[in-house]
Amino acid sequence: MKFKSLLLGSAAGLIAVGGAQAADLPVKAKAVEYVKICSLYGAGFYYMPGTDTCIKFGGYVRADLLGNTNSDYGIGQGAPGGANNRLDNYYQTRARMDFNVDTRTATEYGVVRTYADMVFSWDSQAVTGSAPSTFSTGSATLGLYHAFIQFAGFTFGRTVSIFDAPWQSYPAGGPDFLPGGSNNVTGVNQVAYTADFGQGITGSIALQDLTTAAGGQSNLWNTTAFTATGAVSGTTGLPVVTSAAANAAAAFIQGNYGQNDWGGTRVPDIVGAVRVDQAWGLAQVSVAAHNIHSAYYGTTEVTNHPDDKWGWAVQGALSIKNIPTGAGDSINLQAVYTDGASRYNFQSLFPQTIFIFGGSGIAYQSLGFASVADGVFGAGTGIDTVKTWGFRGGYTHNWSPNWASSIYGAYAQLKYGNTGKGLICANFVAGLAPSNGAAGCNPDFNLAVIGGNVVWTPVKNLAFTADVSYVWLDQKYSGTITAPATATVAKPAATYELKDQGNLQLLLRAQRNF
């Protein structure tokens, strides 16, 4: 009996200890979901854990140093760059980070894609007035270049225009201000549809809001509103100088030919394109229709308004890749004609008013100024549309996997209609007393750019660029004018010679893509 009791007690003890040990064992952990590579859409994509959506992150970090300009590779013009005095910078710097997010999901309707591209920049400050203590404060900037959804051939949101050539306004690198075609590299809000016909042939149509492009719409000059009273009230966007009349005249020589008098939006731009992509390169034809809807002749609605007009643009682009000079070499060409849609030639990063001061042998200084516009109107007139044409092109040669060089050029012409010229020249003669009267007034102009660059890529995705460009403004005003003081660029009241102007500038860039 004692032996039986001992066995039963020992068994009970073992059960109790075993139960306690079992209670102390750790709970089995949930399986870890490792990030998996998604090979469906190319390198860099990963499956988002727990989903069938693939995601990719990318971008670049860039450092720029520029000489003889007050913007990041913009024309050395305007305030203060065009002053060519102690107010403008001899050099300009920029630090920028670009970050983009790309997602793809396969569905029964095809791939659903979203894409966003954000840029963060810090630029040199520039003097904005004659007082040395007056500086710009907007050096740090945030930009949203792309933010769109693609589904079943449709694109909804912000991205480049289907009117654009694939290289935008950079046929072989170069500055941001090349005319000769459209450029919406920073995006424009739109709804677009692209049909793929096979054999590399695609057709696209889009409705796009040009007011959301980097530079918005071009000018629509109301010369009636450009009066002494209007100038003082700030309708030109410029500060009062010494008197109403002086302020109006100072605004004119800075390219402000009237009040930029757009009404509200009525119809988005209607854009279409047909493109052929082949092993030899690509060819593209683009067309656009642009509604011109003004505000009123005067300051209130009882003053009436001109009827709407439709502007239009047509562009051709050609890229040749397989050329005998070397593997990877390319030639990119494009040409454009516009009538009442000047932004499709003098593109979104091109300044819409230009003025540059220089030297003179017959006056205090010389001055060249110009203005880009879609149309001009005055009291009781209709809208007289502005016509332009232009072309640009570039050639890139790869000397080795680490070295490449390019040359590029652009040329564009703008012509005002007879009615528009008459309205503009009436203000010119009244406000600036030209030495040769109305004979010296012609707001038409031509602009040419030529340049080249060398790119060294020591390792993959790291590039160092040196780029030199020269821009020439061929303005059509002549003679001399009696100009008032212009406070924005510290210019005194004096006699100025109206003369063509040029500007040479340099870009040095380091960029790391990731």
Protein backbone atom coordinates (compact mmCIF):
# COMPACT_ATOMS: atom_id res chain seq x y z
CA MET A 1 0.00 0.00 0.00
CA LYS A 2 2.86 2.38 0.81
CA PHE A 3 4.52 1.55 -2.54
CA LYS A 4 1.25 2.13 -4.45
CA SER A 5 0.76 5.52 -2.71
CA LEU A 6 4.34 6.53 -3.62
CA LEU A 7 3.77 5.74 -7.32
CA LEU A 8 0.51 7.69 -7.46
CA GLY A 9 2.05 10.69 -5.70
CA SER A 10 5.04 10.73 -8.03
CA ALA A 11 2.77 10.61 -11.07
CA ALA A 12 0.66 13.51 -9.76
CA GLY A 13 3.79 15.56 -9.15
CA LEU A 14 5.10 14.97 -12.65
CA ILE A 15 1.74 16.01 -14.15
CA ALA A 16 1.72 19.22 -12.09
CA VAL A 17 5.31 20.13 -13.09
CA GLY A 18 4.58 19.33 -16.72
CA GLY A 19 1.48 21.55 -16.63
CA ALA A 20 3.47 24.43 -15.15
CA GLN A 21 6.21 24.09 -17.78
CA ALA A 22 3.64 23.98 -20.58
CA ALA A 23 2.09 27.19 -19.29
CA ASP A 24 5.51 28.89 -19.36
CA LEU A 25 6.22 28.00 -23.02
CA PRO A 26 6.19 31.06 -25.41
CA VAL A 27 3.25 31.48 -27.81
CA LYS A 28 4.19 30.61 -31.40
CA ALA A 29 5.01 33.85 -33.31
CA LYS A 30 3.07 34.86 -36.43
CA ALA A 31 4.97 34.26 -39.66
CA VAL A 32 6.98 37.28 -40.81
CA GLU A 33 5.85 38.77 -44.16
CA TYR A 34 9.05 39.52 -46.03
CA VAL A 35 9.10 42.13 -48.81
CA LYS A 36 9.13 40.35 -52.15
CA ILE A 37 10.59 41.57 -55.43
CA CYS A 38 8.02 42.39 -58.11
CA SER A 39 9.50 41.61 -61.52
CA LEU A 40 6.37 42.43 -63.54
CA TYR A 41 7.19 46.10 -64.20
CA GLY A 42 10.98 46.26 -64.28
CA ALA A 43 13.76 46.75 -61.76
CA GLY A 44 13.14 48.45 -58.43
CA PHE A 45 9.55 47.32 -57.80
CA TYR A 46 8.50 45.45 -54.63
CA TYR A 47 5.20 44.01 -53.47
CA MET A 48 3.65 46.02 -50.68
CA PRO A 49 3.30 43.45 -47.82
CA GLY A 50 -0.14 41.90 -47.69
CA THR A 51 -1.20 43.26 -51.10
CA ASP A 52 -0.81 42.54 -54.80
CA THR A 53 0.32 46.14 -55.47
CA CYS A 54 3.90 46.77 -56.57
CA ILE A 55 5.68 49.98 -55.54
CA LYS A 56 8.89 51.71 -56.56
CA PHE A 57 10.69 54.71 -55.05
CA GLY A 58 13.11 56.87 -57.01
CA GLY A 59 14.41 60.36 -57.61
CA TYR A 60 17.62 62.35 -57.56
CA VAL A 61 19.70 64.81 -55.56
CA ARG A 62 21.14 67.73 -57.53
CA ALA A 63 23.50 70.65 -56.91
CA ASP A 64 23.69 73.53 -59.43
CA LEU A 65 26.06 76.46 -59.79
CA LEU A 66 25.17 79.02 -62.48
CA GLY A 67 26.99 82.04 -63.79
CA ASN A 68 25.52 85.31 -65.15
CA THR A 69 21.88 84.62 -64.31
CA ASN A 70 19.56 85.16 -61.33
CA SER A 71 17.51 82.00 -61.76
CA ASP A 72 18.27 78.32 -62.14
CA TYR A 73 19.16 78.31 -65.83
CA GLY A 74 16.69 80.97 -66.87
CA ILE A 75 17.40 83.93 -69.15
CA GLY A 76 19.44 86.64 -67.39
CA GLN A 77 16.63 89.17 -67.69
CA GLY A 78 13.94 90.96 -65.70
CA ALA A 79 14.34 92.15 -62.14
CA PRO A 80 17.10 91.94 -61.09
CA GLY A 81 18.90 89.79 -63.72
CA GLY A 82 18.27 92.18 -66.62
CA ALA A 83 19.49 95.23 -64.73
CA ASN A 84 23.18 94.38 -65.25
CA ASN A 85 24.12 96.54 -62.28
CA ARG A 86 24.91 96.04 -58.60
CA LEU A 87 21.51 94.46 -57.88
CA ASP A 88 21.92 91.29 -59.93
CA ASN A 89 23.85 88.19 -58.91
CA TYR A 90 26.96 87.13 -60.80
CA TYR A 91 26.22 83.55 -59.74
CA GLN A 92 23.25 81.49 -58.59
CA THR A 93 23.09 78.20 -56.67
CA ARG A 94 20.45 75.55 -56.13
CA ALA A 95 20.18 72.39 -54.04
CA ARG A 96 17.31 70.09 -55.00
CA MET A 97 15.88 66.72 -54.06
CA ASP A 98 13.36 64.98 -56.30
CA PHE A 99 11.31 62.09 -54.88
CA ASN A 100 8.87 59.97 -56.86
CA VAL A 101 6.53 57.09 -55.99
CA ASP A 102 5.24 54.67 -58.64
CA THR A 103 2.61 51.97 -57.90
CA ARG A 104 1.18 49.29 -60.23
CA THR A 105 -1.65 46.79 -59.65
CA ALA A 106 -2.72 44.15 -62.16
CA THR A 107 -6.54 43.95 -62.55
CA GLU A 108 -9.02 42.37 -64.94
CA TYR A 109 -9.15 45.76 -66.72
CA GLY A 110 -5.38 46.02 -67.06
CA VAL A 111 -2.77 47.69 -64.90
CA VAL A 112 -3.86 50.47 -62.53
CA ARG A 113 -1.00 52.90 -62.03
CA THR A 114 -0.43 55.91 -59.77
CA TYR A 115 2.58 58.17 -59.97
CA ALA A 116 3.67 61.20 -57.96
CA ASP A 117 6.81 63.32 -58.32
CA MET A 118 7.73 65.92 -55.70
CA VAL A 119 10.68 68.33 -55.67
CA PHE A 120 12.23 70.22 -52.78
CA SER A 121 14.59 73.10 -53.66
CA TRP A 122 16.64 75.81 -52.02
CA ASP A 123 17.83 78.65 -54.28
CA SER A 124 20.08 81.66 -53.90
CA GLN A 125 18.33 84.81 -52.77
CA ALA A 126 18.13 87.76 -55.14
CA VAL A 127 17.79 91.49 -54.57
CA THR A 128 14.26 92.57 -55.48
CA GLY A 129 14.54 96.34 -55.10
CA SER A 130 17.01 99.18 -55.02
CA ALA A 131 17.50 99.02 -51.25
CA PRO A 132 20.38 96.65 -50.31
CA SER A 133 18.34 95.27 -47.38
CA THR A 134 15.44 94.18 -49.59
CA PHE A 135 15.81 90.50 -50.37
CA SER A 136 13.50 87.76 -51.55
CA THR A 137 12.35 85.36 -48.84
CA GLY A 138 10.99 82.54 -51.01
CA SER A 139 14.21 80.59 -51.39
CA ALA A 140 12.89 77.25 -50.11
CA THR A 141 10.27 75.82 -52.48
CA LEU A 142 8.16 72.69 -52.81
CA GLY A 143 6.85 71.54 -56.17
CA LEU A 144 4.48 68.84 -57.36
CA TYR A 145 5.40 67.92 -60.93
CA HIS A 146 3.30 64.79 -61.36
CA ALA A 147 0.33 63.31 -59.52
CA PHE A 148 -1.85 61.09 -61.71
CA ILE A 149 -3.85 57.88 -61.97
CA GLN A 150 -3.76 55.72 -65.12
CA PHE A 151 -6.46 53.17 -65.84
CA ALA A 152 -7.65 51.49 -69.05
CA GLY A 153 -5.87 54.01 -71.27
CA PHE A 154 -7.05 57.06 -69.27
CA THR A 155 -4.85 59.47 -67.34
CA PHE A 156 -6.38 61.63 -64.59
CA GLY A 157 -4.35 64.30 -62.80
CA ARG A 158 -1.12 66.22 -63.33
CA THR A 159 1.62 65.23 -65.76
CA VAL A 160 3.29 66.37 -69.00
CA SER A 161 1.08 67.37 -71.91
CA ILE A 162 0.47 64.97 -74.79
CA PHE A 163 1.29 67.97 -77.02
CA ASP A 164 4.91 67.90 -75.77
CA ALA A 165 7.77 66.09 -77.45
CA PRO A 166 9.17 63.30 -75.23
CA TRP A 167 12.29 65.38 -74.51
CA GLN A 168 10.18 68.40 -73.49
CA SER A 169 12.32 71.49 -74.25
CA TYR A 170 15.65 69.67 -73.82
CA PRO A 171 16.52 68.17 -77.23
CA ALA A 172 20.11 67.67 -76.03
CA GLY A 173 20.11 68.93 -72.46
CA GLY A 174 20.38 72.69 -72.17
CA PRO A 175 18.60 75.49 -70.29
CA ASP A 176 14.95 75.75 -69.27
CA PHE A 177 14.06 78.60 -71.64
CA LEU A 178 14.39 77.11 -75.14
CA PRO A 179 11.44 78.25 -77.32
CA GLY A 180 10.35 76.37 -80.43
CA GLY A 181 7.74 74.06 -78.89
CA SER A 182 5.76 73.31 -75.79
CA ASN A 183 7.24 72.15 -72.50
CA ASN A 184 5.24 71.03 -69.47
CA VAL A 185 8.00 69.16 -67.66
CA THR A 186 6.59 70.49 -64.36
CA GLY A 187 3.12 69.16 -65.23
CA VAL A 188 -0.32 70.41 -66.21
CA ASN A 189 -3.69 69.21 -64.84
CA GLN A 190 -5.60 67.14 -67.39
CA VAL A 191 -7.77 64.23 -68.40
CA ALA A 192 -6.30 62.24 -71.29
CA TYR A 193 -6.94 59.04 -73.21
CA THR A 194 -4.35 57.09 -75.23
CA ALA A 195 -5.21 54.33 -77.70
CA ASP A 196 -2.55 51.82 -78.78
CA PHE A 197 -3.03 50.76 -82.42
CA GLY A 198 -0.07 48.37 -82.46
CA GLN A 199 3.16 48.53 -84.46
CA GLY A 200 4.31 51.38 -82.21
CA ILE A 201 1.45 53.68 -83.25
CA THR A 202 -0.54 55.52 -80.56
CA GLY A 203 -3.13 58.26 -80.60
CA SER A 204 -4.04 60.53 -77.67
CA ILE A 205 -6.61 63.18 -76.86
CA ALA A 206 -6.76 65.34 -73.76
CA LEU A 207 -8.54 68.17 -72.00
CA GLN A 208 -5.96 70.20 -70.09
CA ASP A 209 -6.12 73.22 -67.82
CA LEU A 210 -3.36 75.51 -69.07
CA THR A 211 -3.79 77.80 -66.07
CA THR A 212 -2.19 75.03 -63.94
CA ALA A 213 1.01 74.88 -66.02
CA ALA A 214 4.17 76.39 -64.52
CA GLY A 215 3.71 79.76 -66.21
CA GLY A 216 -0.04 79.59 -66.70
CA GLN A 217 -1.53 81.17 -69.79
CA SER A 218 0.36 83.78 -71.78
CA ASN A 219 -0.58 87.45 -71.59
CA LEU A 220 -3.86 88.85 -72.91
CA TRP A 221 -3.20 92.59 -73.11
CA ASN A 222 -6.02 95.08 -72.49
CA THR A 223 -4.44 98.35 -73.62
CA THR A 224 -7.41 100.43 -72.51
CA ALA A 225 -6.82 99.46 -68.90
CA PHE A 226 -3.17 100.47 -69.27
CA THR A 227 -3.69 104.08 -68.28
CA ALA A 228 -2.02 106.30 -65.74
CA THR A 229 -4.82 105.65 -63.26
CA GLY A 230 -4.70 101.92 -63.87
CA ALA A 231 -0.95 101.84 -63.34
CA VAL A 232 -1.19 103.65 -60.02
CA SER A 233 -3.93 101.33 -58.76
CA GLY A 234 -1.57 98.41 -59.23
CA THR A 235 -3.22 96.69 -62.20
CA THR A 236 0.19 96.31 -63.84
CA GLY A 237 1.54 94.54 -60.77
CA LEU A 238 4.39 97.07 -60.50
CA PRO A 239 5.07 99.63 -57.75
CA VAL A 240 4.35 103.34 -58.16
CA VAL A 241 7.44 105.29 -59.23
CA THR A 242 6.98 109.08 -59.08
CA SER A 243 3.67 109.65 -60.82
CA ALA A 244 0.87 107.76 -62.51
CA ALA A 245 2.21 108.47 -65.99
CA ALA A 246 5.77 107.56 -65.00
CA ASN A 247 4.62 104.29 -63.51
CA ALA A 248 2.76 103.37 -66.69
CA ALA A 249 5.83 104.12 -68.80
CA ALA A 250 8.13 102.17 -66.47
CA ALA A 251 5.77 99.20 -66.70
CA PHE A 252 5.79 99.37 -70.51
CA ILE A 253 9.57 99.10 -70.86
CA GLN A 254 9.45 96.00 -68.65
CA GLY A 255 7.23 94.29 -71.22
CA ASN A 256 3.86 95.11 -69.68
CA TYR A 257 1.95 96.45 -72.70
CA GLY A 258 -1.36 96.62 -70.87
CA GLN A 259 -3.30 94.91 -68.14
CA ASN A 260 -3.12 91.11 -68.40
CA ASP A 261 -6.90 90.84 -68.57
CA TRP A 262 -8.05 87.22 -68.68
CA GLY A 263 -11.56 86.32 -67.60
CA GLY A 264 -12.47 83.11 -65.83
CA THR A 265 -11.91 79.72 -67.47
CA ARG A 266 -14.66 78.50 -69.79
CA VAL A 267 -13.26 75.63 -71.88
CA PRO A 268 -10.10 73.61 -71.24
CA ASP A 269 -7.51 73.33 -73.99
CA ILE A 270 -8.36 70.50 -76.39
CA VAL A 271 -5.21 68.62 -77.36
CA GLY A 272 -4.56 65.70 -79.70
CA ALA A 273 -1.45 63.80 -80.79
CA VAL A 274 -0.44 60.88 -83.00
CA ARG A 275 2.91 59.22 -82.36
CA VAL A 276 4.97 56.47 -84.00
CA ASP A 277 7.73 54.75 -81.99
CA GLN A 278 10.15 52.50 -83.87
CA ALA A 279 13.68 51.18 -83.44
CA TRP A 280 15.00 54.08 -85.54
CA GLY A 281 13.36 56.71 -83.30
CA LEU A 282 9.96 58.38 -83.22
CA ALA A 283 7.74 60.86 -85.05
CA GLN A 284 4.88 62.85 -83.53
CA VAL A 285 2.29 65.39 -84.68
CA SER A 286 0.38 67.43 -82.07
CA VAL A 287 -2.49 69.92 -82.30
CA ALA A 288 -4.17 72.13 -79.68
CA ALA A 289 -7.19 74.45 -79.48
CA HIS A 290 -7.06 77.23 -76.85
CA ASN A 291 -10.05 79.33 -75.76
CA ILE A 292 -9.34 83.07 -75.29
CA HIS A 293 -11.87 84.47 -72.83
CA SER A 294 -11.20 88.02 -71.65
CA ALA A 295 -12.53 90.08 -68.75
CA TYR A 296 -14.02 93.55 -69.45
CA TYR A 297 -12.87 96.62 -71.36
CA GLY A 298 -13.01 98.61 -68.14
CA THR A 299 -13.10 97.82 -64.45
CA THR A 300 -16.79 96.82 -64.22
CA GLU A 301 -19.12 94.59 -66.20
CA VAL A 302 -21.13 97.49 -67.66
CA THR A 303 -18.10 98.41 -69.81
CA ASN A 304 -18.74 95.33 -71.97
CA HIS A 305 -16.12 92.95 -73.37
CA PRO A 306 -14.79 91.49 -76.63
CA ASP A 307 -16.13 88.18 -77.94
CA ASP A 308 -14.22 84.98 -77.21
CA LYS A 309 -11.77 83.67 -79.78
CA TRP A 310 -10.13 80.32 -80.31
CA GLY A 311 -6.37 80.11 -80.64
CA TRP A 312 -4.61 77.04 -81.99
CA ALA A 313 -1.21 75.41 -82.34
CA VAL A 314 0.34 72.59 -84.38
CA GLN A 315 3.69 70.91 -83.74
CA GLY A 316 5.83 68.23 -85.34
CA ALA A 317 8.62 66.31 -83.60
CA LEU A 318 11.21 63.84 -84.90
CA SER A 319 13.86 61.77 -83.10
CA ILE A 320 16.50 59.72 -84.94
CA LYS A 321 18.42 57.23 -82.81
CA ASN A 322 20.28 54.82 -85.07
CA ILE A 323 22.82 57.15 -86.64
CA PRO A 324 26.31 56.12 -87.79
CA THR A 325 28.22 58.43 -85.42
CA GLY A 326 27.97 55.97 -82.52
CA ALA A 327 25.82 53.79 -80.30
CA GLY A 328 23.32 55.77 -78.28
CA ASP A 329 23.75 58.95 -80.33
CA SER A 330 20.57 60.83 -81.19
CA ILE A 331 19.17 63.80 -83.09
CA ASN A 332 15.98 65.46 -81.78
CA LEU A 333 14.09 68.06 -83.84
CA GLN A 334 10.76 69.87 -83.54
CA ALA A 335 8.90 72.83 -85.04
CA VAL A 336 5.70 74.65 -84.06
CA TYR A 337 3.26 77.29 -85.33
CA THR A 338 0.72 79.08 -83.13
CA ASP A 339 -2.07 81.60 -83.57
CA GLY A 340 -3.50 82.90 -80.28
CA ALA A 341 -1.81 80.10 -78.30
CA SER A 342 1.73 81.39 -77.74
CA ARG A 343 2.49 79.15 -74.75
CA TYR A 344 2.84 76.20 -77.14
CA ASN A 345 5.91 77.92 -78.61
CA PHE A 346 7.22 80.17 -75.83
CA GLN A 347 6.72 77.36 -73.35
CA SER A 348 5.79 77.23 -69.66
CA LEU A 349 9.33 77.95 -68.36
CA PHE A 350 9.95 80.79 -70.82
CA PRO A 351 9.46 84.32 -69.38
CA GLN A 352 6.39 86.06 -70.78
CA THR A 353 7.90 89.54 -70.39
CA ILE A 354 11.57 90.30 -71.04
CA PHE A 355 13.76 93.32 -70.42
CA ILE A 356 17.56 93.58 -70.48
CA PHE A 357 19.71 96.69 -70.03
CA GLY A 358 23.10 97.05 -71.71
CA GLY A 359 25.68 99.59 -72.81
CA SER A 360 25.23 102.39 -75.34
CA GLY A 361 27.42 104.83 -77.19
CA ILE A 362 24.67 107.41 -77.76
CA ALA A 363 22.57 107.36 -74.57
CA TYR A 364 22.80 106.68 -70.84
CA GLN A 365 22.32 102.93 -71.47
CA SER A 366 20.63 100.65 -73.97
CA LEU A 367 17.50 98.58 -73.42
CA GLY A 368 15.83 95.65 -75.13
CA PHE A 369 12.35 94.53 -74.13
CA ALA A 370 9.67 92.18 -75.46
CA SER A 371 6.39 90.62 -74.48
CA VAL A 372 4.71 87.30 -75.28
CA ALA A 373 0.91 87.32 -75.57
CA ASP A 374 -2.02 85.37 -76.98
CA GLY A 375 -3.88 88.51 -78.03
CA VAL A 376 -4.45 92.24 -77.65
CA PHE A 377 -7.66 94.29 -77.33
CA GLY A 378 -8.72 97.84 -76.52
CA ALA A 379 -11.98 99.70 -75.94
CA GLY A 380 -14.53 98.52 -78.49
CA THR A 381 -12.19 96.23 -80.41
CA GLY A 382 -12.16 92.48 -80.75
CA ILE A 383 -9.22 90.31 -79.69
CA ASP A 384 -6.37 90.54 -82.20
CA THR A 385 -4.48 87.26 -81.92
CA VAL A 386 -0.69 86.98 -81.86
CA LYS A 387 1.07 84.62 -84.29
CA THR A 388 4.34 82.79 -83.62
CA TRP A 389 6.54 80.08 -85.06
CA GLY A 390 9.71 78.39 -83.88
CA PHE A 391 11.94 75.34 -83.93
CA ARG A 392 14.57 73.70 -81.75
CA GLY A 393 16.90 70.75 -82.03
CA GLY A 394 19.89 69.00 -80.58
CA TYR A 395 22.51 66.35 -81.23
CA THR A 396 24.03 64.08 -78.56
CA HIS A 397 27.20 62.03 -79.08
CA ASN A 398 28.51 59.37 -76.70
CA TRP A 399 32.30 59.29 -76.80
CA SER A 400 32.46 56.40 -74.33
CA PRO A 401 30.27 54.89 -71.60
CA ASN A 402 31.53 57.66 -69.31
CA TRP A 403 31.63 60.72 -71.57
CA ALA A 404 28.99 62.41 -73.74
CA SER A 405 28.62 65.83 -75.33
CA SER A 406 25.75 67.69 -76.98
CA ILE A 407 24.99 70.77 -79.04
CA TYR A 408 21.56 72.42 -79.28
CA GLY A 409 19.82 75.47 -80.64
CA ALA A 410 16.43 77.18 -80.87
CA TYR A 411 14.86 80.06 -82.76
CA ALA A 412 11.40 81.62 -82.48
CA GLN A 413 9.54 84.59 -83.92
CA LEU A 414 6.49 86.47 -82.60
CA LYS A 415 4.32 88.89 -84.58
CA TYR A 416 1.45 91.07 -83.36
CA GLY A 417 -1.49 91.82 -85.65
CA ASN A 418 -2.01 95.29 -87.13
CA THR A 419 -4.75 96.19 -84.63
CA GLY A 420 -2.70 94.98 -81.68
CA LYS A 421 0.36 96.89 -82.89
CA GLY A 422 -1.66 100.08 -83.23
CA LEU A 423 -3.00 99.82 -79.67
CA ILE A 424 0.42 99.01 -78.18
CA CYS A 425 2.24 101.73 -80.13
CA ALA A 426 -0.27 104.38 -79.05
CA ASN A 427 0.79 103.73 -75.44
CA PHE A 428 4.46 103.59 -76.48
CA VAL A 429 4.40 107.01 -78.13
CA ALA A 430 2.29 108.64 -75.40
CA GLY A 431 4.32 107.34 -72.48
CA LEU A 432 7.93 107.26 -73.71
CA ALA A 433 8.29 110.06 -76.30
CA PRO A 434 10.48 108.09 -78.73
CA SER A 435 12.98 110.12 -80.75
CA ASN A 436 11.57 108.81 -84.04
CA GLY A 437 7.92 108.76 -82.94
CA ALA A 438 5.60 105.96 -83.95
CA ALA A 439 8.13 104.87 -86.60
CA GLY A 440 10.29 103.45 -83.81
CA CYS A 441 7.55 101.20 -82.44
CA ASN A 442 7.32 97.54 -83.35
CA PRO A 443 6.49 95.02 -80.58
CA ASP A 444 7.46 92.01 -82.75
CA PHE A 445 10.63 90.16 -81.81
CA ASN A 446 12.82 87.15 -82.55
CA LEU A 447 14.82 85.13 -80.03
CA ALA A 448 17.67 82.69 -80.63
CA VAL A 449 19.55 80.31 -78.31
CA ILE A 450 22.65 78.23 -78.99
CA GLY A 451 24.66 76.09 -76.59
CA GLY A 452 26.45 72.89 -75.77
CA ASN A 453 27.43 70.67 -72.88
CA VAL A 454 29.75 67.92 -71.70
CA VAL A 455 28.58 65.19 -69.31
CA TRP A 456 30.93 62.94 -67.33
CA THR A 457 29.43 59.81 -65.71
CA PRO A 458 32.23 58.25 -63.61
CA VAL A 459 29.90 55.65 -62.10
CA LYS A 460 26.36 54.59 -62.85
CA ASN A 461 23.68 57.17 -61.92
CA LEU A 462 26.21 59.88 -61.01
CA ALA A 463 26.75 62.67 -63.57
CA PHE A 464 28.68 65.93 -63.70
CA THR A 465 27.60 68.45 -66.35
CA ALA A 466 29.09 71.65 -67.74
CA ASP A 467 26.72 73.57 -70.05
CA VAL A 468 27.23 76.94 -71.79
CA SER A 469 24.46 78.78 -73.65
CA TYR A 470 23.98 82.14 -75.34
CA VAL A 471 20.61 83.83 -75.90
CA TRP A 472 20.02 86.72 -78.30
CA LEU A 473 16.95 88.99 -78.17
CA ASP A 474 16.30 90.54 -81.59
CA GLN A 475 13.78 93.24 -80.63
CA LYS A 476 12.23 95.53 -83.25
CA TYR A 477 11.94 98.84 -81.37
CA SER A 478 14.37 101.51 -82.58
CA GLY A 479 15.69 104.97 -81.75
CA THR A 480 15.86 106.38 -78.24
CA ILE A 481 13.24 106.94 -75.55
CA THR A 482 12.87 109.24 -72.58
CA ALA A 483 12.23 106.76 -69.77
CA PRO A 484 11.23 107.47 -66.18
CA ALA A 485 13.07 106.06 -63.18
CA THR A 486 12.50 102.31 -62.71
CA ALA A 487 12.80 101.54 -59.00
CA THR A 488 12.64 97.76 -59.38
CA VAL A 489 16.07 97.76 -61.06
CA ALA A 490 17.48 101.08 -59.74
CA LYS A 491 17.50 102.75 -63.18
CA PRO A 492 17.30 106.55 -63.27
CA ALA A 493 15.15 108.73 -65.47
CA ALA A 494 17.28 109.13 -68.59
CA THR A 495 17.52 108.66 -72.34
CA TYR A 496 17.89 105.03 -73.36
CA GLU A 497 18.81 103.52 -76.73
CA LEU A 498 16.49 100.73 -77.91
CA LYS A 499 18.81 97.92 -78.92
CA ASP A 500 19.11 94.14 -79.26
CA GLN A 501 20.56 92.35 -76.22
CA GLY A 502 22.40 89.09 -75.51
CA ASN A 503 23.31 87.02 -72.50
CA LEU A 504 25.94 84.28 -71.99
CA GLN A 505 25.59 81.89 -69.07
CA LEU A 506 27.12 78.78 -67.55
CA LEU A 507 25.69 75.80 -65.68
CA LEU A 508 27.75 73.39 -63.56
CA ARG A 509 25.73 70.49 -62.18
CA ALA A 510 26.27 67.39 -60.05
CA GLN A 511 23.40 64.88 -59.96
CA ARG A 512 22.92 61.49 -58.32
CA ASN A 513 19.92 59.44 -59.44
CA PHE A 514 18.48 56.73 -57.24
